[in-house]
Amino acid sequence: MSSSTKNANKPWTAADIAMLKQLIAQNTPTRIIALKLGRTEAAIYAKASELGLSVKPTNQSPYGPRKAKK
């Protein structure tokens, strides 16, 4: 978990929410989003869920990397 909590217990501003949406759209890792917004990863997951956003990576296979055929 991220230890950067400069905004802990502070309400989310419109700018924070806009930045969260932008970073999620860019497929930014949750840890990086937390660092940029000064919040914990748990706070990022909670706010994304509240907004109906998914923070799951969109460019990764759920079955792991494919092995090259020989």
C-alpha atoms as a PDB file:
ATOM      1  CA  MET A   1       0.000   0.000   0.000  1.00  0.00           C
ATOM      2  CA  SER A   2       1.036   3.549  -0.580  1.00  0.00           C
ATOM      3  CA  SER A   3       2.139   5.503   2.450  1.00  0.00           C
ATOM      4  CA  SER A   4       1.491   8.876   0.815  1.00  0.00           C
ATOM      5  CA  THR A   5      -1.567  10.187   2.587  1.00  0.00           C
ATOM      6  CA  LYS A   6      -1.273  13.960   2.412  1.00  0.00           C
ATOM      7  CA  ASN A   7      -4.958  14.101   1.458  1.00  0.00           C
ATOM      8  CA  ALA A   8      -6.165  11.519   3.984  1.00  0.00           C
ATOM      9  CA  ASN A   9      -9.659  12.263   5.269  1.00  0.00           C
ATOM     10  CA  LYS A  10     -10.006  15.250   2.944  1.00  0.00           C
ATOM     11  CA  PRO A  11     -12.947  15.382   0.550  1.00  0.00           C
ATOM     12  CA  TRP A  12     -12.320  14.645  -3.110  1.00  0.00           C
ATOM     13  CA  THR A  13     -12.265  17.792  -5.243  1.00  0.00           C
ATOM     14  CA  ALA A  14     -13.521  18.004  -8.810  1.00  0.00           C
ATOM     15  CA  ALA A  15      -9.886  18.290  -9.934  1.00  0.00           C
ATOM     16  CA  ASP A  16      -8.967  15.103  -8.014  1.00  0.00           C
ATOM     17  CA  ILE A  17     -11.829  13.206  -9.638  1.00  0.00           C
ATOM     18  CA  ALA A  18     -10.924  14.506 -13.108  1.00  0.00           C
ATOM     19  CA  MET A  19      -7.297  13.444 -12.586  1.00  0.00           C
ATOM     20  CA  LEU A  20      -8.424  10.021 -11.329  1.00  0.00           C
ATOM     21  CA  LYS A  21     -10.594   9.488 -14.416  1.00  0.00           C
ATOM     22  CA  GLN A  22      -7.778  10.605 -16.725  1.00  0.00           C
ATOM     23  CA  LEU A  23      -5.186   8.344 -15.101  1.00  0.00           C
ATOM     24  CA  ILE A  24      -7.540   5.348 -15.158  1.00  0.00           C
ATOM     25  CA  ALA A  25      -8.263   5.986 -18.849  1.00  0.00           C
ATOM     26  CA  GLN A  26      -4.495   5.992 -19.490  1.00  0.00           C
ATOM     27  CA  ASN A  27      -4.245   2.569 -17.776  1.00  0.00           C
ATOM     28  CA  THR A  28      -1.970   3.963 -15.045  1.00  0.00           C
ATOM     29  CA  PRO A  29      -1.144   1.505 -12.240  1.00  0.00           C
ATOM     30  CA  THR A  30      -3.108   2.064  -9.029  1.00  0.00           C
ATOM     31  CA  ARG A  31       0.067   2.624  -7.001  1.00  0.00           C
ATOM     32  CA  ILE A  32       1.119   5.475  -9.300  1.00  0.00           C
ATOM     33  CA  ILE A  33      -2.369   7.036  -9.176  1.00  0.00           C
ATOM     34  CA  ALA A  34      -2.210   6.918  -5.370  1.00  0.00           C
ATOM     35  CA  LEU A  35       1.166   8.643  -5.328  1.00  0.00           C
ATOM     36  CA  LYS A  36       0.073  11.362  -7.753  1.00  0.00           C
ATOM     37  CA  LEU A  37      -3.118  12.104  -5.822  1.00  0.00           C
ATOM     38  CA  GLY A  38      -1.530  11.753  -2.383  1.00  0.00           C
ATOM     39  CA  ARG A  39      -3.989   9.075  -1.295  1.00  0.00           C
ATOM     40  CA  THR A  40      -3.799   5.393  -0.441  1.00  0.00           C
ATOM     41  CA  GLU A  41      -4.448   2.644  -2.956  1.00  0.00           C
ATOM     42  CA  ALA A  42      -7.513   1.669  -0.922  1.00  0.00           C
ATOM     43  CA  ALA A  43      -8.885   5.198  -1.336  1.00  0.00           C
ATOM     44  CA  ILE A  44      -8.310   4.996  -5.099  1.00  0.00           C
ATOM     45  CA  TYR A  45     -10.146   1.662  -5.327  1.00  0.00           C
ATOM     46  CA  ALA A  46     -13.006   2.981  -3.187  1.00  0.00           C
ATOM     47  CA  LYS A  47     -13.491   6.194  -5.176  1.00  0.00           C
ATOM     48  CA  ALA A  48     -13.216   4.392  -8.519  1.00  0.00           C
ATOM     49  CA  SER A  49     -15.843   1.907  -7.365  1.00  0.00           C
ATOM     50  CA  GLU A  50     -18.091   4.736  -6.196  1.00  0.00           C
ATOM     51  CA  LEU A  51     -17.762   6.350  -9.645  1.00  0.00           C
ATOM     52  CA  GLY A  52     -18.371   3.050 -11.433  1.00  0.00           C
ATOM     53  CA  LEU A  53     -14.858   2.915 -12.880  1.00  0.00           C
ATOM     54  CA  SER A  54     -12.664  -0.158 -13.198  1.00  0.00           C
ATOM     55  CA  VAL A  55      -9.001   0.104 -12.261  1.00  0.00           C
ATOM     56  CA  LYS A  56      -8.143  -3.307 -13.683  1.00  0.00           C
ATOM     57  CA  PRO A  57      -5.461  -3.203 -16.391  1.00  0.00           C
ATOM     58  CA  THR A  58      -7.022  -3.405 -19.845  1.00  0.00           C
ATOM     59  CA  ASN A  59      -3.896  -4.505 -21.686  1.00  0.00           C
ATOM     60  CA  GLN A  60      -3.103  -7.707 -19.799  1.00  0.00           C
ATOM     61  CA  SER A  61      -4.304 -11.202 -20.492  1.00  0.00           C
ATOM     62  CA  PRO A  62      -6.046 -12.824 -17.530  1.00  0.00           C
ATOM     63  CA  TYR A  63      -4.219 -16.067 -18.373  1.00  0.00           C
ATOM     64  CA  GLY A  64      -0.652 -14.750 -18.303  1.00  0.00           C
ATOM     65  CA  PRO A  65       1.737 -14.137 -21.191  1.00  0.00           C
ATOM     66  CA  ARG A  66       1.489 -16.348 -24.232  1.00  0.00           C
ATOM     67  CA  LYS A  67       4.435 -18.519 -25.049  1.00  0.00           C
ATOM     68  CA  ALA A  68       5.890 -18.330 -28.533  1.00  0.00           C
ATOM     69  CA  LYS A  69       5.281 -21.371 -30.713  1.00  0.00           C
ATOM     70  CA  LYS A  70       8.360 -23.083 -32.095  1.00  0.00           C
END
